[in-house]
């Protein structure tokens, strides 16, 4: 398959198959996304996560903290 023919090949597919092709391309972009050399991935501290503290003050499910 030649890269210049891909657009024509996709255009000949039915609309549902075209959507599947585009979905698969998005999957591949995410799957093969690489960290640029020399840069570290940004890491969030767990204390900044939105789920921290969601049980705080819940008397109905938590007993006293010792």
PDB file of N, CA and C in Angstrom:
ATOM      1  N   UNK A   1       0.851  -1.184   0.000  1.00  0.00           N
ATOM      2  CA  UNK A   1       0.000   0.000   0.000  1.00  0.00           C
ATOM      3  C   UNK A   1       0.890   1.238   0.000  1.00  0.00           C
ATOM      4  N   UNK A   2       0.618   2.119  -0.886  1.00  0.00           N
ATOM      5  CA  UNK A   2       1.375   3.358  -1.006  1.00  0.00           C
ATOM      6  C   UNK A   2       0.707   4.445  -0.165  1.00  0.00           C
ATOM      7  N   UNK A   3       1.502   5.223   0.596  1.00  0.00           N
ATOM      8  CA  UNK A   3       0.919   6.272   1.448  1.00  0.00           C
ATOM      9  C   UNK A   3       0.029   7.256   0.683  1.00  0.00           C
ATOM     10  N   UNK A   4       0.371   7.571  -0.550  1.00  0.00           N
ATOM     11  CA  UNK A   4      -0.442   8.539  -1.304  1.00  0.00           C
ATOM     12  C   UNK A   4      -1.812   7.978  -1.683  1.00  0.00           C
ATOM     13  N   UNK A   5      -1.977   6.668  -1.612  1.00  0.00           N
ATOM     14  CA  UNK A   5      -3.259   6.046  -1.959  1.00  0.00           C
ATOM     15  C   UNK A   5      -4.180   5.863  -0.754  1.00  0.00           C
ATOM     16  N   UNK A   6      -3.676   6.111   0.437  1.00  0.00           N
ATOM     17  CA  UNK A   6      -4.466   5.861   1.644  1.00  0.00           C
ATOM     18  C   UNK A   6      -5.745   6.687   1.665  1.00  0.00           C
ATOM     19  N   UNK A   7      -5.657   7.972   1.348  1.00  0.00           N
ATOM     20  CA  UNK A   7      -6.856   8.824   1.355  1.00  0.00           C
ATOM     21  C   UNK A   7      -7.908   8.304   0.386  1.00  0.00           C
ATOM     22  N   UNK A   8      -7.483   7.886  -0.798  1.00  0.00           N
ATOM     23  CA  UNK A   8      -8.439   7.340  -1.767  1.00  0.00           C
ATOM     24  C   UNK A   8      -9.056   6.046  -1.258  1.00  0.00           C
ATOM     25  N   UNK A   9      -8.233   5.201  -0.644  1.00  0.00           N
ATOM     26  CA  UNK A   9      -8.745   3.938  -0.107  1.00  0.00           C
ATOM     27  C   UNK A   9      -9.772   4.184   0.993  1.00  0.00           C
ATOM     28  N   UNK A  10      -9.482   5.118   1.883  1.00  0.00           N
ATOM     29  CA  UNK A  10     -10.419   5.433   2.967  1.00  0.00           C
ATOM     30  C   UNK A  10     -11.715   6.008   2.399  1.00  0.00           C
ATOM     31  N   UNK A  11     -11.600   6.862   1.399  1.00  0.00           N
ATOM     32  CA  UNK A  11     -12.780   7.500   0.808  1.00  0.00           C
ATOM     33  C   UNK A  11     -13.716   6.488   0.160  1.00  0.00           C
ATOM     34  N   UNK A  12     -13.192   5.347  -0.265  1.00  0.00           N
ATOM     35  CA  UNK A  12     -14.055   4.337  -0.907  1.00  0.00           C
ATOM     36  C   UNK A  12     -14.780   3.461   0.104  1.00  0.00           C
ATOM     37  N   UNK A  13     -14.431   3.576   1.376  1.00  0.00           N
ATOM     38  CA  UNK A  13     -15.080   2.766   2.409  1.00  0.00           C
ATOM     39  C   UNK A  13     -16.430   3.361   2.801  1.00  0.00           C
ATOM     40  N   UNK A  14     -17.334   2.536   3.318  1.00  0.00           N
ATOM     41  CA  UNK A  14     -18.599   3.072   3.838  1.00  0.00           C
ATOM     42  C   UNK A  14     -18.328   3.946   5.072  1.00  0.00           C
ATOM     43  N   UNK A  15     -19.247   4.853   5.393  1.00  0.00           N
ATOM     44  CA  UNK A  15     -19.024   5.792   6.508  1.00  0.00           C
ATOM     45  C   UNK A  15     -18.648   5.125   7.833  1.00  0.00           C
ATOM     46  N   UNK A  16     -19.281   4.015   8.178  1.00  0.00           N
ATOM     47  CA  UNK A  16     -18.962   3.339   9.436  1.00  0.00           C
ATOM     48  C   UNK A  16     -17.523   2.831   9.431  1.00  0.00           C
ATOM     49  N   UNK A  17     -17.088   2.276   8.313  1.00  0.00           N
ATOM     50  CA  UNK A  17     -15.710   1.790   8.205  1.00  0.00           C
ATOM     51  C   UNK A  17     -14.725   2.967   8.261  1.00  0.00           C
ATOM     52  N   UNK A  18     -15.085   4.111   7.687  1.00  0.00           N
ATOM     53  CA  UNK A  18     -14.226   5.298   7.767  1.00  0.00           C
ATOM     54  C   UNK A  18     -14.064   5.733   9.224  1.00  0.00           C
ATOM     55  N   UNK A  19     -15.166   5.712   9.985  1.00  0.00           N
ATOM     56  CA  UNK A  19     -15.083   6.066  11.408  1.00  0.00           C
ATOM     57  C   UNK A  19     -14.168   5.096  12.151  1.00  0.00           C
ATOM     58  N   UNK A  20     -14.239   3.824  11.816  1.00  0.00           N
ATOM     59  CA  UNK A  20     -13.375   2.837  12.462  1.00  0.00           C
ATOM     60  C   UNK A  20     -11.905   3.097  12.136  1.00  0.00           C
ATOM     61  N   UNK A  21     -11.633   3.472  10.905  1.00  0.00           N
ATOM     62  CA  UNK A  21     -10.254   3.802  10.514  1.00  0.00           C
ATOM     63  C   UNK A  21      -9.765   4.988  11.335  1.00  0.00           C
ATOM     64  N   UNK A  22     -10.555   6.036  11.433  1.00  0.00           N
ATOM     65  CA  UNK A  22     -10.154   7.225  12.179  1.00  0.00           C
ATOM     66  C   UNK A  22      -9.987   6.913  13.671  1.00  0.00           C
ATOM     67  N   UNK A  23     -10.879   6.088  14.222  1.00  0.00           N
ATOM     68  CA  UNK A  23     -10.742   5.676  15.619  1.00  0.00           C
ATOM     69  C   UNK A  23      -9.444   4.893  15.832  1.00  0.00           C
ATOM     70  N   UNK A  24      -9.137   4.016  14.892  1.00  0.00           N
ATOM     71  CA  UNK A  24      -7.920   3.223  15.012  1.00  0.00           C
ATOM     72  C   UNK A  24      -6.680   4.106  14.906  1.00  0.00           C
ATOM     73  N   UNK A  25      -6.714   5.098  14.050  1.00  0.00           N
ATOM     74  CA  UNK A  25      -5.594   6.031  13.941  1.00  0.00           C
ATOM     75  C   UNK A  25      -5.401   6.778  15.255  1.00  0.00           C
ATOM     76  N   UNK A  26      -6.491   7.218  15.885  1.00  0.00           N
ATOM     77  CA  UNK A  26      -6.380   7.898  17.181  1.00  0.00           C
ATOM     78  C   UNK A  26      -5.800   6.963  18.232  1.00  0.00           C
ATOM     79  N   UNK A  27      -6.232   5.697  18.224  1.00  0.00           N
ATOM     80  CA  UNK A  27      -5.677   4.712  19.145  1.00  0.00           C
ATOM     81  C   UNK A  27      -4.173   4.571  18.941  1.00  0.00           C
ATOM     82  N   UNK A  28      -3.753   4.448  17.692  1.00  0.00           N
ATOM     83  CA  UNK A  28      -2.323   4.290  17.414  1.00  0.00           C
ATOM     84  C   UNK A  28      -1.525   5.518  17.835  1.00  0.00           C
ATOM     85  N   UNK A  29      -2.074   6.701  17.626  1.00  0.00           N
ATOM     86  CA  UNK A  29      -1.366   7.924  18.034  1.00  0.00           C
ATOM     87  C   UNK A  29      -1.137   7.936  19.541  1.00  0.00           C
ATOM     88  N   UNK A  30      -2.131   7.521  20.301  1.00  0.00           N
ATOM     89  CA  UNK A  30      -1.995   7.477  21.757  1.00  0.00           C
ATOM     90  C   UNK A  30      -1.031   6.362  22.162  1.00  0.00           C
ATOM     91  N   UNK A  31      -1.187   5.209  21.533  1.00  0.00           N
ATOM     92  CA  UNK A  31      -0.372   4.043  21.887  1.00  0.00           C
ATOM     93  C   UNK A  31       1.115   4.279  21.616  1.00  0.00           C
ATOM     94  N   UNK A  32       1.428   4.955  20.545  1.00  0.00           N
ATOM     95  CA  UNK A  32       2.819   5.138  20.153  1.00  0.00           C
ATOM     96  C   UNK A  32       3.382   6.500  20.529  1.00  0.00           C
ATOM     97  N   UNK A  33       2.629   7.249  21.309  1.00  0.00           N
ATOM     98  CA  UNK A  33       3.114   8.552  21.737  1.00  0.00           C
ATOM     99  C   UNK A  33       4.366   8.346  22.593  1.00  0.00           C
ATOM    100  N   UNK A  34       5.395   9.057  22.286  1.00  0.00           N
ATOM    101  CA  UNK A  34       6.669   8.902  22.978  1.00  0.00           C
ATOM    102  C   UNK A  34       7.019  10.193  23.707  1.00  0.00           C
ATOM    103  N   UNK A  35       7.742  10.035  24.803  1.00  0.00           N
ATOM    104  CA  UNK A  35       8.279  11.191  25.508  1.00  0.00           C
ATOM    105  C   UNK A  35       9.482  11.676  24.719  1.00  0.00           C
ATOM    106  N   UNK A  36       9.553  12.959  24.478  1.00  0.00           N
ATOM    107  CA  UNK A  36      10.678  13.500  23.720  1.00  0.00           C
ATOM    108  C   UNK A  36      11.972  13.270  24.487  1.00  0.00           C
ATOM    109  N   UNK A  37      13.016  12.862  23.789  1.00  0.00           N
ATOM    110  CA  UNK A  37      14.296  12.630  24.466  1.00  0.00           C
ATOM    111  C   UNK A  37      14.766  13.869  25.218  1.00  0.00           C
ATOM    112  N   UNK A  38      15.293  13.633  26.403  1.00  0.00           N
ATOM    113  CA  UNK A  38      15.809  14.733  27.210  1.00  0.00           C
ATOM    114  C   UNK A  38      14.775  15.368  28.113  1.00  0.00           C
ATOM    115  N   UNK A  39      13.520  15.003  27.953  1.00  0.00           N
ATOM    116  CA  UNK A  39      12.468  15.567  28.798  1.00  0.00           C
ATOM    117  C   UNK A  39      11.892  14.474  29.667  1.00  0.00           C
ATOM    118  N   UNK A  40      11.623  14.814  30.908  1.00  0.00           N
ATOM    119  CA  UNK A  40      10.989  13.861  31.816  1.00  0.00           C
ATOM    120  C   UNK A  40       9.480  14.086  31.778  1.00  0.00           C
ATOM    121  N   UNK A  41       8.764  13.011  31.972  1.00  0.00           N
ATOM    122  CA  UNK A  41       7.310  13.114  32.019  1.00  0.00           C
ATOM    123  C   UNK A  41       6.900  13.866  33.277  1.00  0.00           C
ATOM    124  N   UNK A  42       5.919  14.721  33.137  1.00  0.00           N
ATOM    125  CA  UNK A  42       5.408  15.451  34.297  1.00  0.00           C
ATOM    126  C   UNK A  42       4.658  14.475  35.192  1.00  0.00           C
ATOM    127  N   UNK A  43       4.946  14.533  36.461  1.00  0.00           N
ATOM    128  CA  UNK A  43       4.272  13.645  37.410  1.00  0.00           C
ATOM    129  C   UNK A  43       3.529  14.495  38.424  1.00  0.00           C
ATOM    130  N   UNK A  44       2.303  14.144  38.645  1.00  0.00           N
ATOM    131  CA  UNK A  44       1.507  14.818  39.654  1.00  0.00           C
ATOM    132  C   UNK A  44       1.758  14.169  41.000  1.00  0.00           C
ATOM    133  N   UNK A  45       1.831  14.984  42.019  1.00  0.00           N
ATOM    134  CA  UNK A  45       1.896  14.438  43.362  1.00  0.00           C
ATOM    135  C   UNK A  45       0.530  13.877  43.704  1.00  0.00           C
ATOM    136  N   UNK A  46       0.526  12.774  44.431  1.00  0.00           N
ATOM    137  CA  UNK A  46      -0.745  12.132  44.763  1.00  0.00           C
ATOM    138  C   UNK A  46      -1.634  13.061  45.588  1.00  0.00           C
ATOM    139  N   UNK A  47      -1.025  13.946  46.366  1.00  0.00           N
ATOM    140  CA  UNK A  47      -1.815  14.876  47.177  1.00  0.00           C
ATOM    141  C   UNK A  47      -2.633  15.824  46.310  1.00  0.00           C
ATOM    142  N   UNK A  48      -2.258  15.993  45.055  1.00  0.00           N
ATOM    143  CA  UNK A  48      -2.987  16.894  44.156  1.00  0.00           C
ATOM    144  C   UNK A  48      -4.098  16.185  43.381  1.00  0.00           C
ATOM    145  N   UNK A  49      -4.223  14.896  43.557  1.00  0.00           N
ATOM    146  CA  UNK A  49      -5.259  14.157  42.839  1.00  0.00           C
ATOM    147  C   UNK A  49      -6.634  14.482  43.405  1.00  0.00           C
ATOM    148  N   UNK A  50      -7.623  14.482  42.525  1.00  0.00           N
ATOM    149  CA  UNK A  50      -8.975  14.906  42.918  1.00  0.00           C
ATOM    150  C   UNK A  50      -9.636  13.960  43.915  1.00  0.00           C
ATOM    151  N   UNK A  51      -9.227  12.705  43.962  1.00  0.00           N
ATOM    152  CA  UNK A  51      -9.895  11.760  44.855  1.00  0.00           C
ATOM    153  C   UNK A  51      -9.399  11.844  46.298  1.00  0.00           C
ATOM    154  N   UNK A  52      -8.321  12.545  46.551  1.00  0.00           N
ATOM    155  CA  UNK A  52      -7.790  12.646  47.908  1.00  0.00           C
ATOM    156  C   UNK A  52      -8.783  13.416  48.781  1.00  0.00           C
ATOM    157  N   UNK A  53      -9.137  12.836  49.895  1.00  0.00           N
ATOM    158  CA  UNK A  53     -10.030  13.490  50.844  1.00  0.00           C
ATOM    159  C   UNK A  53     -11.504  13.263  50.613  1.00  0.00           C
ATOM    160  N   UNK A  54     -11.864  12.416  49.664  1.00  0.00           N
ATOM    161  CA  UNK A  54     -13.295  12.256  49.380  1.00  0.00           C
ATOM    162  C   UNK A  54     -14.062  11.610  50.526  1.00  0.00           C
ATOM    163  N   UNK A  55     -13.369  10.873  51.406  1.00  0.00           N
ATOM    164  CA  UNK A  55     -14.055  10.245  52.525  1.00  0.00           C
ATOM    165  C   UNK A  55     -13.927  11.069  53.805  1.00  0.00           C
ATOM    166  N   UNK A  56     -13.228  12.155  53.772  1.00  0.00           N
ATOM    167  CA  UNK A  56     -13.004  12.977  54.951  1.00  0.00           C
ATOM    168  C   UNK A  56     -14.331  13.467  55.527  1.00  0.00           C
ATOM    169  N   UNK A  57     -14.510  13.263  56.802  1.00  0.00           N
ATOM    170  CA  UNK A  57     -15.702  13.751  57.474  1.00  0.00           C
ATOM    171  C   UNK A  57     -16.926  12.867  57.330  1.00  0.00           C
ATOM    172  N   UNK A  58     -16.800  11.708  56.662  1.00  0.00           N
ATOM    173  CA  UNK A  58     -17.952  10.819  56.486  1.00  0.00           C
ATOM    174  C   UNK A  58     -18.118   9.978  57.741  1.00  0.00           C
ATOM    175  N   UNK A  59     -19.115  10.279  58.540  1.00  0.00           N
ATOM    176  CA  UNK A  59     -19.379   9.551  59.780  1.00  0.00           C
ATOM    177  C   UNK A  59     -20.079   8.225  59.530  1.00  0.00           C
ATOM    178  N   UNK A  60     -20.776   8.128  58.399  1.00  0.00           N
ATOM    179  CA  UNK A  60     -21.563   6.939  58.105  1.00  0.00           C
ATOM    180  C   UNK A  60     -20.705   5.757  57.631  1.00  0.00           C
ATOM    181  N   UNK A  61     -19.502   5.995  57.187  1.00  0.00           N
ATOM    182  CA  UNK A  61     -18.684   4.889  56.691  1.00  0.00           C
ATOM    183  C   UNK A  61     -17.331   4.766  57.362  1.00  0.00           C
ATOM    184  N   UNK A  62     -16.895   5.798  58.027  1.00  0.00           N
ATOM    185  CA  UNK A  62     -15.575   5.760  58.637  1.00  0.00           C
ATOM    186  C   UNK A  62     -15.688   5.849  60.159  1.00  0.00           C
ATOM    187  N   UNK A  63     -14.913   5.017  60.808  1.00  0.00           N
ATOM    188  CA  UNK A  63     -14.839   5.102  62.258  1.00  0.00           C
ATOM    189  C   UNK A  63     -13.782   6.127  62.635  1.00  0.00           C
ATOM    190  N   UNK A  64     -13.528   6.243  63.915  1.00  0.00           N
ATOM    191  CA  UNK A  64     -12.517   7.196  64.357  1.00  0.00           C
ATOM    192  C   UNK A  64     -11.118   6.790  63.871  1.00  0.00           C
ATOM    193  N   UNK A  65     -10.300   7.781  63.604  1.00  0.00           N
ATOM    194  CA  UNK A  65      -8.934   7.546  63.195  1.00  0.00           C
ATOM    195  C   UNK A  65      -8.073   7.531  64.445  1.00  0.00           C
ATOM    196  N   UNK A  66      -7.304   6.465  64.642  1.00  0.00           N
ATOM    197  CA  UNK A  66      -6.461   6.342  65.829  1.00  0.00           C
ATOM    198  C   UNK A  66      -5.030   6.611  65.488  1.00  0.00           C
TER     199      UNK A  66
END
